Amino acid sequence: MYNSKTLCAVPLVEGFSDAAGGWRNCCCASPQIKSGKDVDFASWWNSTKLNNFRKQFGGDTLPAECSGCMVQEKAMGSSFRTAVNETVDLQNTKTDWPSRWNVHFGNVCNLACWSCNENNSSTIESHKRKLSLLSKNYVSSDDIFKKNWNDIKNNMLKSFMHHEFVTLTILGGEPLFNNLVVDFLNFLVENSLSHRTRLEFHTNATKFDAKIQNILLLDKWKYICVFLSLDSIGKKAEWLRYGCSWEKIKKNIPLIKQCANYLEVQCILSVLNISDLEELEQFCIENGLPLKVFPLSTPAFMSLASWDSDKNLFLHNIDVNHKKFKTYYEMLGSQPVDGMHNKLKNYIKSFEKIRRPLREFNKRLYDILFL
């Protein structure tokens, strides 16, 4: 008999594109199972790899790849797994074709977040090209996406033939900075598919112009869920998500609220912002926004567990027994790996010719890392 507490609907109902081309099993799994390039989606959906992954659920515990959701459920009481489970009735849902899609729309983005990489940000790609930090054979994930877009689009549209309602989760890059995303959303509206679409997208909240607001009018969609990517507040936020304006973000949040049935802040947690959780939580409380925290696993030199220097410097004047954040504080330095601190310092230093120095944004973090 299956253990309902370890069941997961995600691999049964959701298709995931991969930034490197092809498909993957889940956006939260680590490591991810991938199809490789030039595999058609129908073959992947019915593949031995994906079916073997599905069979791991319903036992005594979740698969090892799902540790991220396990941590989320312990700390926050919910996870991507539980969120999807709440929306899916597997007894009455067709699983022969996805009713949900999670699509990576290339890397077009206006920011260079420190926790991000060139596969998810065209700005980081540009910085690394200028600094000769990319391999000579690197192929932009945006070029890969554009090559595969028609196939991805057709697979998504096929879902409307199988299901009354379809959930589309749009990732980037920054979706609202990407004309291809905006044009696709407009396509769904003009073809009377938006009323059958539960739209979910992640945004850094730096762009929310009149055209986007008009497309995202609530009466045009079945449901709109927006995830705000915030890792800190004030000047520290401007360094962590390099290139943003905190004042512009604060002005855009009320506008985004008007176009969302549900609005949630999602924080990517690393050693760079472990000290900022309580301030970010207070900002969310003041603005009526729920907060979810997702510990970063890669690169290892930013992850909490791998930290190999004095963790007490980060936890100074912090309530380490905080009801929500205790689990994350305990993760810091729990599995230290020699050299991680130096790798992080060297990584930050490698961008000195292009980006403003950390000490101009947050002297305390600068002192922890460099002094």
Protein backbone atom coordinates (compact mmCIF):
# COMPACT_ATOMS: atom_id res chain seq x y z
CA MET A 1 0.00 0.00 0.00
CA TYR A 2 1.34 3.42 -0.98
CA ASN A 3 2.34 5.97 1.65
CA SER A 4 0.31 9.04 0.68
CA LYS A 5 2.77 11.27 2.56
CA THR A 6 5.51 10.48 0.05
CA LEU A 7 3.49 10.50 -3.15
CA CYS A 8 4.25 13.20 -5.72
CA ALA A 9 2.01 14.15 -8.62
CA VAL A 10 4.70 16.25 -10.32
CA PRO A 11 6.32 13.58 -12.56
CA LEU A 12 2.87 12.29 -13.53
CA VAL A 13 1.34 15.57 -14.66
CA GLU A 14 4.10 18.10 -15.44
CA GLY A 15 6.48 18.43 -18.37
CA PHE A 16 9.78 20.26 -17.86
CA SER A 17 11.99 21.76 -20.55
CA ASP A 18 15.74 21.87 -20.00
CA ALA A 19 17.95 24.93 -20.57
CA ALA A 20 20.51 22.75 -22.35
CA GLY A 21 17.87 21.36 -24.72
CA GLY A 22 15.62 18.35 -24.24
CA TRP A 23 13.64 17.59 -21.10
CA ARG A 24 14.09 16.96 -17.37
CA ASN A 25 12.19 15.25 -14.56
CA CYS A 26 11.60 18.17 -12.19
CA CYS A 27 12.80 21.71 -11.54
CA CYS A 28 13.42 20.96 -7.84
CA ALA A 29 15.20 17.58 -8.11
CA SER A 30 18.93 17.54 -7.43
CA PRO A 31 20.55 16.03 -9.37
CA GLN A 32 18.06 16.19 -12.20
CA ILE A 33 17.36 13.38 -14.63
CA LYS A 34 17.61 14.68 -18.19
CA SER A 35 16.69 13.33 -21.59
CA GLY A 36 19.61 14.81 -23.49
CA LYS A 37 19.21 16.72 -26.75
CA ASP A 38 17.08 15.80 -29.76
CA VAL A 39 14.64 13.58 -27.84
CA ASP A 40 11.00 14.20 -28.72
CA PHE A 41 8.75 14.85 -25.75
CA ALA A 42 6.39 11.90 -26.28
CA SER A 43 9.37 9.52 -26.08
CA TRP A 44 10.62 11.23 -22.92
CA TRP A 45 7.19 11.22 -21.25
CA ASN A 46 7.00 7.44 -21.69
CA SER A 47 10.71 6.75 -21.19
CA THR A 48 12.22 4.18 -18.86
CA LYS A 49 14.20 6.94 -17.10
CA LEU A 50 11.13 8.95 -16.20
CA ASN A 51 9.02 5.90 -15.34
CA ASN A 52 11.72 4.62 -12.98
CA PHE A 53 11.75 8.02 -11.26
CA ARG A 54 7.96 7.91 -10.86
CA LYS A 55 8.13 4.46 -9.24
CA GLN A 56 10.28 5.78 -6.39
CA PHE A 57 7.36 7.65 -4.81
CA GLY A 58 4.93 6.31 -2.24
CA GLY A 59 7.47 4.41 -0.14
CA ASP A 60 8.79 5.20 3.33
CA THR A 61 10.57 8.37 2.23
CA LEU A 62 11.02 10.63 -0.77
CA PRO A 63 13.80 9.85 -3.28
CA ALA A 64 17.24 11.26 -2.46
CA GLU A 65 16.90 13.66 -5.42
CA CYS A 66 13.96 15.27 -3.63
CA SER A 67 15.87 16.46 -0.56
CA GLY A 68 15.01 20.05 -1.47
CA CYS A 69 11.31 19.40 -0.99
CA MET A 70 12.03 17.47 2.21
CA VAL A 71 13.87 20.48 3.66
CA GLN A 72 11.06 22.80 2.53
CA GLU A 73 8.41 20.66 4.20
CA LYS A 74 10.39 20.46 7.44
CA ALA A 75 11.07 24.20 7.60
CA MET A 76 8.01 25.75 5.97
CA GLY A 77 5.38 23.00 6.11
CA SER A 78 4.99 22.85 2.33
CA SER A 79 6.97 22.41 -0.88
CA PHE A 80 6.63 22.28 -4.64
CA ARG A 81 5.53 18.66 -4.22
CA THR A 82 2.77 19.45 -1.75
CA ALA A 83 1.63 22.51 -3.72
CA VAL A 84 1.14 20.48 -6.91
CA ASN A 85 -0.48 17.60 -5.00
CA GLU A 86 -3.11 20.00 -3.68
CA THR A 87 -4.15 20.98 -7.22
CA VAL A 88 -4.27 17.51 -8.75
CA ASP A 89 -6.82 14.73 -8.38
CA LEU A 90 -4.86 11.79 -9.74
CA GLN A 91 -7.94 9.57 -9.68
CA ASN A 92 -9.65 11.81 -12.22
CA THR A 93 -6.74 13.31 -14.14
CA LYS A 94 -5.41 12.03 -17.44
CA THR A 95 -1.71 11.34 -17.15
CA ASP A 96 -1.08 10.31 -20.77
CA TRP A 97 -0.11 13.92 -21.53
CA PRO A 98 0.89 16.75 -19.15
CA SER A 99 -1.74 19.04 -17.72
CA ARG A 100 1.08 21.23 -16.40
CA TRP A 101 4.21 22.67 -18.05
CA ASN A 102 7.36 24.18 -16.60
CA VAL A 103 9.20 25.91 -19.44
CA HIS A 104 12.59 27.59 -19.37
CA PHE A 105 12.31 30.47 -21.90
CA GLY A 106 16.01 30.90 -22.55
CA ASN A 107 18.19 33.28 -20.58
CA VAL A 108 16.99 36.78 -21.55
CA CYS A 109 17.36 38.79 -18.35
CA ASN A 110 18.24 42.31 -17.28
CA LEU A 111 19.98 41.31 -14.03
CA ALA A 112 23.13 39.47 -13.00
CA CYS A 113 22.18 37.75 -9.74
CA TRP A 114 25.13 36.26 -7.86
CA SER A 115 23.28 33.00 -7.25
CA CYS A 116 22.47 32.68 -10.95
CA ASN A 117 24.51 31.68 -14.02
CA GLU A 118 24.85 32.27 -17.75
CA ASN A 119 22.21 29.65 -18.60
CA ASN A 120 19.60 31.75 -16.81
CA SER A 121 20.82 35.29 -17.44
CA SER A 122 21.92 36.93 -20.67
CA THR A 123 23.50 39.69 -18.58
CA ILE A 124 25.72 37.18 -16.78
CA GLU A 125 26.51 35.60 -20.14
CA SER A 126 27.55 39.03 -21.45
CA HIS A 127 29.69 39.76 -18.38
CA LYS A 128 31.45 36.40 -18.60
CA ARG A 129 32.09 36.81 -22.31
CA LYS A 130 33.73 40.18 -21.71
CA LEU A 131 35.86 38.68 -18.95
CA SER A 132 36.69 35.50 -20.93
CA LEU A 133 35.07 33.34 -18.24
CA LEU A 134 33.07 31.19 -20.67
CA SER A 135 34.38 28.12 -22.44
CA LYS A 136 35.06 28.64 -26.15
CA ASN A 137 32.37 26.13 -27.12
CA TYR A 138 29.66 27.61 -24.88
CA VAL A 139 26.28 27.83 -26.61
CA SER A 140 23.77 30.32 -25.23
CA SER A 141 20.69 28.74 -23.67
CA ASP A 142 18.68 31.39 -25.49
CA ASP A 143 19.94 30.11 -28.84
CA ILE A 144 19.06 26.57 -27.76
CA PHE A 145 15.59 27.65 -26.66
CA LYS A 146 14.83 29.53 -29.88
CA LYS A 147 15.85 26.47 -31.87
CA ASN A 148 13.45 24.29 -29.86
CA TRP A 149 10.66 26.81 -29.25
CA ASN A 150 8.24 25.66 -31.95
CA ASP A 151 8.43 22.09 -30.71
CA ILE A 152 8.00 23.13 -27.07
CA LYS A 153 5.10 25.41 -28.00
CA ASN A 154 3.31 22.67 -29.97
CA ASN A 155 3.70 20.22 -27.09
CA MET A 156 2.23 22.76 -24.67
CA LEU A 157 -0.69 23.59 -26.97
CA LYS A 158 -1.42 19.87 -27.35
CA SER A 159 -2.28 19.83 -23.63
CA PHE A 160 -5.37 21.94 -24.33
CA MET A 161 -6.63 19.03 -26.46
CA HIS A 162 -6.26 16.63 -23.50
CA HIS A 163 -7.31 18.80 -20.57
CA GLU A 164 -9.94 21.42 -19.84
CA PHE A 165 -7.44 23.52 -17.92
CA VAL A 166 -3.67 23.71 -18.34
CA THR A 167 -1.10 25.13 -15.91
CA LEU A 168 1.87 26.92 -17.47
CA THR A 169 4.85 27.83 -15.31
CA ILE A 170 7.16 30.22 -17.15
CA LEU A 171 10.80 30.52 -16.14
CA GLY A 172 13.69 32.55 -17.46
CA GLY A 173 15.75 34.60 -17.49
CA GLU A 174 13.27 37.27 -16.61
CA PRO A 175 10.00 36.35 -18.36
CA LEU A 176 8.59 39.88 -18.40
CA PHE A 177 11.80 41.19 -19.99
CA ASN A 178 11.51 38.62 -22.79
CA ASN A 179 9.46 39.65 -25.84
CA LEU A 180 8.99 36.01 -26.81
CA VAL A 181 7.22 35.34 -23.50
CA VAL A 182 5.04 38.44 -23.79
CA ASP A 183 4.09 37.54 -27.36
CA PHE A 184 3.19 33.98 -26.32
CA LEU A 185 0.97 35.21 -23.49
CA ASN A 186 -0.72 37.55 -25.94
CA PHE A 187 -1.17 34.59 -28.33
CA LEU A 188 -3.01 32.65 -25.61
CA VAL A 189 -5.29 35.62 -24.99
CA GLU A 190 -6.04 36.22 -28.68
CA ASN A 191 -6.77 32.52 -29.28
CA SER A 192 -9.17 32.22 -26.32
CA LEU A 193 -6.86 29.85 -24.45
CA SER A 194 -5.99 32.13 -21.55
CA HIS A 195 -9.39 31.46 -19.92
CA ARG A 196 -8.35 27.82 -19.73
CA THR A 197 -4.87 28.62 -18.43
CA ARG A 198 -3.58 28.73 -14.90
CA LEU A 199 -0.56 30.94 -15.42
CA GLU A 200 2.44 30.89 -13.10
CA PHE A 201 5.59 32.89 -13.62
CA HIS A 202 8.65 34.07 -11.73
CA THR A 203 9.69 37.70 -11.95
CA ASN A 204 12.35 39.95 -10.48
CA ALA A 205 9.70 42.73 -10.41
CA THR A 206 11.85 45.23 -12.31
CA LYS A 207 9.57 45.52 -15.34
CA PHE A 208 5.78 45.74 -15.30
CA ASP A 209 4.72 48.13 -18.04
CA ALA A 210 1.25 48.96 -19.40
CA LYS A 211 1.40 46.35 -22.19
CA ILE A 212 2.12 43.56 -19.72
CA GLN A 213 -0.54 44.80 -17.31
CA ASN A 214 -3.13 44.74 -20.12
CA ILE A 215 -2.24 41.15 -21.10
CA LEU A 216 -2.39 40.02 -17.48
CA LEU A 217 -5.84 41.37 -16.64
CA LEU A 218 -7.37 38.85 -14.25
CA ASP A 219 -10.60 38.43 -16.23
CA LYS A 220 -8.59 37.08 -19.18
CA TRP A 221 -7.10 34.11 -17.30
CA LYS A 222 -8.33 31.17 -15.28
CA TYR A 223 -5.83 31.96 -12.56
CA ILE A 224 -2.60 33.94 -12.22
CA CYS A 225 0.09 33.04 -9.71
CA VAL A 226 3.18 35.23 -9.47
CA PHE A 227 6.41 34.40 -7.66
CA LEU A 228 8.53 37.43 -6.77
CA SER A 229 12.24 36.68 -6.68
CA LEU A 230 13.61 38.62 -3.70
CA ASP A 231 16.69 37.63 -1.70
CA SER A 232 17.10 40.65 0.56
CA ILE A 233 15.95 44.27 0.88
CA GLY A 234 17.43 47.69 0.19
CA LYS A 235 20.99 48.13 -1.06
CA LYS A 236 21.86 44.51 -0.27
CA ALA A 237 19.09 43.41 -2.65
CA GLU A 238 20.61 45.61 -5.36
CA TRP A 239 23.93 43.76 -5.01
CA LEU A 240 22.53 40.23 -4.71
CA ARG A 241 20.30 40.71 -7.78
CA TYR A 242 22.87 42.91 -9.44
CA GLY A 243 21.43 45.65 -11.63
CA CYS A 244 18.04 46.06 -9.97
CA SER A 245 16.60 49.16 -8.31
CA TRP A 246 15.04 48.47 -4.93
CA GLU A 247 12.83 51.55 -5.22
CA LYS A 248 11.50 50.39 -8.60
CA ILE A 249 10.76 46.94 -7.18
CA LYS A 250 8.79 48.46 -4.31
CA LYS A 251 6.76 50.57 -6.77
CA ASN A 252 6.01 47.59 -9.02
CA ILE A 253 4.83 45.22 -6.28
CA PRO A 254 1.38 46.90 -5.85
CA LEU A 255 0.89 46.81 -9.65
CA ILE A 256 1.76 43.12 -9.76
CA LYS A 257 -0.65 42.47 -6.88
CA GLN A 258 -3.49 43.83 -9.01
CA CYS A 259 -2.73 41.24 -11.69
CA ALA A 260 -2.36 38.19 -9.46
CA ASN A 261 -4.77 35.84 -7.75
CA TYR A 262 -1.83 34.76 -5.64
CA LEU A 263 1.47 36.54 -5.05
CA GLU A 264 4.39 34.97 -3.18
CA VAL A 265 7.98 35.97 -2.48
CA GLN A 266 10.55 33.29 -3.21
CA CYS A 267 14.04 33.66 -1.77
CA ILE A 268 17.06 31.77 -3.09
CA LEU A 269 19.09 31.19 0.06
CA SER A 270 22.89 31.05 0.08
CA VAL A 271 25.69 32.12 2.38
CA LEU A 272 25.40 35.54 0.75
CA ASN A 273 21.97 36.23 2.28
CA ILE A 274 21.63 33.84 5.23
CA SER A 275 21.89 36.91 7.49
CA ASP A 276 19.02 38.69 5.73
CA LEU A 277 16.11 36.29 6.26
CA GLU A 278 14.50 38.06 9.18
CA GLU A 279 14.63 41.50 7.51
CA LEU A 280 13.14 40.02 4.34
CA GLU A 281 10.44 38.29 6.38
CA GLN A 282 9.54 41.61 8.05
CA PHE A 283 9.27 43.32 4.64
CA CYS A 284 6.95 40.53 3.45
CA ILE A 285 4.78 40.82 6.57
CA GLU A 286 4.47 44.58 6.13
CA ASN A 287 3.39 44.09 2.50
CA GLY A 288 1.09 41.13 3.06
CA LEU A 289 3.28 38.73 1.08
CA PRO A 290 3.91 35.07 1.96
CA LEU A 291 7.58 34.07 1.92
CA LYS A 292 9.08 30.78 0.75
CA VAL A 293 12.78 30.00 1.06
CA PHE A 294 14.74 27.71 -1.26
CA PRO A 295 18.29 26.78 -0.22
CA LEU A 296 20.73 26.93 -3.12
CA SER A 297 22.64 23.71 -3.86
CA THR A 298 24.86 24.84 -6.73
CA PRO A 299 27.38 26.32 -7.01
CA ALA A 300 28.67 24.51 -3.92
CA PHE A 301 30.79 27.50 -2.83
CA MET A 302 27.58 29.46 -2.17
CA SER A 303 25.59 26.67 -0.54
CA LEU A 304 24.95 26.72 3.20
CA ALA A 305 26.09 23.19 3.99
CA SER A 306 29.45 23.50 2.19
CA TRP A 307 30.61 26.64 4.00
CA ASP A 308 34.04 25.99 5.53
CA SER A 309 34.77 29.15 7.53
CA ASP A 310 33.41 30.62 10.75
CA LYS A 311 29.62 30.40 10.47
CA ASN A 312 29.09 32.47 13.63
CA LEU A 313 30.08 35.58 11.68
CA PHE A 314 26.87 35.18 9.66
CA LEU A 315 24.70 34.34 12.67
CA HIS A 316 25.82 37.24 14.85
CA ASN A 317 22.77 38.98 16.41
CA ILE A 318 20.41 36.45 14.75
CA ASP A 319 17.79 34.36 16.52
CA VAL A 320 19.20 30.95 15.64
CA ASN A 321 16.07 29.33 17.11
CA HIS A 322 13.75 31.26 14.81
CA LYS A 323 10.61 29.16 14.28
CA LYS A 324 10.78 29.28 10.47
CA PHE A 325 14.48 29.70 9.82
CA LYS A 326 16.15 27.46 12.43
CA THR A 327 16.46 24.62 9.90
CA TYR A 328 18.39 26.87 7.50
CA TYR A 329 20.67 28.25 10.21
CA GLU A 330 21.51 24.68 11.22
CA MET A 331 22.41 23.86 7.61
CA LEU A 332 25.17 26.50 7.57
CA GLY A 333 28.53 24.71 7.65
CA SER A 334 26.90 21.34 8.39
CA GLN A 335 28.93 19.57 5.67
CA PRO A 336 31.95 21.83 5.15
CA VAL A 337 34.08 21.42 2.05
CA ASP A 338 37.64 22.74 2.11
CA GLY A 339 38.22 25.71 -0.14
CA MET A 340 34.63 26.91 -0.53
CA HIS A 341 35.24 30.28 1.13
CA ASN A 342 38.21 30.98 -1.14
CA LYS A 343 36.30 29.88 -4.23
CA LEU A 344 33.50 32.28 -3.37
CA LYS A 345 35.93 35.18 -2.83
CA ASN A 346 37.68 34.46 -6.09
CA TYR A 347 34.39 34.22 -7.97
CA ILE A 348 33.23 37.60 -6.71
CA LYS A 349 36.65 39.13 -7.46
CA SER A 350 36.53 37.84 -11.04
CA PHE A 351 33.81 40.41 -11.82
CA GLU A 352 35.60 43.43 -10.31
CA LYS A 353 36.26 45.01 -13.72
CA ILE A 354 32.53 45.05 -14.57
CA ARG A 355 30.51 45.24 -11.34
CA ARG A 356 30.58 47.68 -8.46
CA PRO A 357 32.28 46.25 -5.36
CA LEU A 358 30.32 44.60 -2.55
CA ARG A 359 31.67 47.05 0.05
CA GLU A 360 29.60 49.83 -1.58
CA PHE A 361 26.40 47.86 -0.94
CA ASN A 362 26.96 45.95 2.30
CA LYS A 363 30.15 46.45 4.31
CA ARG A 364 29.30 43.75 6.86
CA LEU A 365 29.17 40.98 4.25
CA TYR A 366 32.29 42.38 2.61
CA ASP A 367 34.15 42.18 5.94
CA ILE A 368 32.99 38.58 6.51
CA LEU A 369 34.12 37.44 3.09
CA PHE A 370 37.27 39.46 2.50
CA LEU A 371 38.77 40.55 5.84
